[in-house]
Amino acid sequence: MKLRLATLVLGTLALAACGGTEDASTGAEVDTVEMTADEALAPVDEAPVADPMANTAPAPAAGADTGPAEQTEEEQIQQAGDDAAATAEAALDAMAEDGEPQN
C-alpha cells in the first residue's frame, strides 16, 4: 500500500514539475485580438468615387424588340378588368355548354 501511495505522489510531483503555467487563453490576449480591429478603424485617406452607371437603366440589346409602348397604371387596371370579365364570360359559356344551370 505504501508503494502505491509513493508511486502516486512521485507521479503527481513529476507531472507538476513538467507542466507550465500557460493556458490557452494566453494566446488570445487583447493586444493580438484587437490589432485587426484597430486597423479597420484607422482613418481612410481615399475619397469615395461616384459610379456614373449606378442609377441608369441598362440599354436594350442591339436588335431587341422593345415591345408595345408602356401603359399607364389606369390603362393596366382597365385591361386587367377586361381580362377578368372575358374569363368570367368564357366560364359561363363553358358551363352553359355542359348543361349546368346559370345563376
Protein backbone atom coordinates (compact mmCIF):
# COMPACT_ATOMS: atom_id res chain seq x y z
CA MET A 1 0.00 0.00 0.00
CA LYS A 2 2.87 2.34 0.81
CA LEU A 3 4.41 1.56 -2.57
CA ARG A 4 1.22 2.62 -4.39
CA LEU A 5 0.97 5.81 -2.39
CA ALA A 6 4.64 6.64 -3.01
CA THR A 7 4.22 5.99 -6.76
CA LEU A 8 1.16 8.21 -6.87
CA VAL A 9 2.91 11.04 -5.02
CA LEU A 10 6.02 10.79 -7.20
CA GLY A 11 3.92 10.70 -10.37
CA THR A 12 1.98 13.78 -9.31
CA LEU A 13 5.16 15.69 -8.46
CA ALA A 14 6.74 14.70 -11.78
CA LEU A 15 3.75 15.93 -13.74
CA ALA A 16 3.63 19.14 -11.74
CA ALA A 17 7.31 19.82 -12.43
CA CYS A 18 6.90 19.29 -16.19
CA GLY A 19 3.82 21.42 -16.67
CA GLY A 20 3.82 25.11 -17.46
CA THR A 21 1.56 27.85 -16.18
CA GLU A 22 0.42 28.94 -19.63
CA ASP A 23 -3.08 28.13 -20.71
CA ALA A 24 -4.96 28.53 -23.98
CA SER A 25 -6.26 31.99 -23.13
CA THR A 26 -2.74 33.45 -23.10
CA GLY A 27 -2.58 33.32 -26.91
CA ALA A 28 -5.79 35.31 -27.22
CA GLU A 29 -4.70 38.40 -25.37
CA VAL A 30 -6.11 41.83 -26.11
CA ASP A 31 -3.07 43.10 -28.00
CA THR A 32 -3.24 40.28 -30.57
CA VAL A 33 -7.01 40.13 -30.97
CA GLU A 34 -7.69 43.83 -31.34
CA MET A 35 -4.91 44.57 -33.82
CA THR A 36 -7.18 43.89 -36.78
CA ALA A 37 -9.97 45.97 -35.25
CA ASP A 38 -7.59 48.89 -34.83
CA GLU A 39 -6.52 48.58 -38.46
CA ALA A 40 -10.16 48.54 -39.60
CA LEU A 41 -10.91 51.70 -37.66
CA ALA A 42 -7.91 53.58 -38.98
CA PRO A 43 -8.74 56.73 -40.96
CA VAL A 44 -9.15 56.34 -44.71
CA ASP A 45 -7.20 58.68 -46.96
CA GLU A 46 -9.09 57.86 -50.17
CA ALA A 47 -12.35 59.62 -51.04
CA PRO A 48 -15.33 57.64 -52.38
CA VAL A 49 -15.80 57.68 -56.13
CA ALA A 50 -19.23 58.07 -57.75
CA ASP A 51 -20.31 55.36 -60.17
CA PRO A 52 -21.79 57.04 -63.27
CA MET A 53 -23.70 53.87 -64.23
CA ALA A 54 -25.18 53.23 -60.78
CA ASN A 55 -28.69 54.62 -61.32
CA THR A 56 -29.14 54.24 -65.05
CA ALA A 57 -31.30 51.68 -66.80
CA PRO A 58 -29.41 49.19 -68.96
CA ALA A 59 -29.57 49.86 -72.68
CA PRO A 60 -31.62 47.36 -74.69
CA ALA A 61 -29.62 44.82 -76.65
CA ALA A 62 -28.98 45.56 -80.31
CA GLY A 63 -31.84 44.24 -82.44
CA ALA A 64 -34.03 43.51 -79.42
CA ASP A 65 -37.76 44.11 -79.73
CA THR A 66 -38.74 46.88 -77.35
CA GLY A 67 -42.37 45.65 -77.27
CA PRO A 68 -45.51 47.75 -77.04
CA ALA A 69 -45.46 51.21 -75.53
CA GLU A 70 -45.78 51.27 -71.78
CA GLN A 71 -49.30 51.59 -70.41
CA THR A 72 -50.28 53.92 -67.66
CA GLU A 73 -51.47 52.47 -64.37
CA GLU A 74 -55.08 53.32 -65.22
CA GLU A 75 -54.80 51.52 -68.56
CA GLN A 76 -53.29 48.47 -66.84
CA ILE A 77 -56.17 48.37 -64.35
CA GLN A 78 -58.72 48.68 -67.15
CA GLN A 79 -57.01 45.90 -69.10
CA ALA A 80 -56.98 43.62 -66.04
CA GLY A 81 -60.70 44.25 -65.51
CA ASP A 82 -61.45 43.48 -69.16
CA ASP A 83 -59.42 40.27 -68.94
CA ALA A 84 -61.30 39.20 -65.79
CA ALA A 85 -64.66 39.91 -67.44
CA ALA A 86 -63.68 37.92 -70.51
CA THR A 87 -62.56 34.99 -68.33
CA ALA A 88 -65.85 35.04 -66.40
CA GLU A 89 -67.87 35.16 -69.63
CA ALA A 90 -65.89 32.22 -71.03
CA ALA A 91 -66.52 30.25 -67.84
CA LEU A 92 -70.27 30.93 -68.04
CA ASP A 93 -70.32 29.85 -71.70
CA ALA A 94 -68.48 26.62 -70.82
CA MET A 95 -70.96 25.90 -68.02
CA ALA A 96 -73.89 26.52 -70.40
CA GLU A 97 -72.43 24.07 -72.92
CA ASP A 98 -72.12 21.41 -70.19
CA GLY A 99 -75.80 21.83 -69.38
CA GLU A 100 -75.32 23.25 -65.90
CA PRO A 101 -77.77 25.96 -64.84
CA GLN A 102 -76.52 29.52 -64.73
CA ASN A 103 -77.00 31.78 -61.70
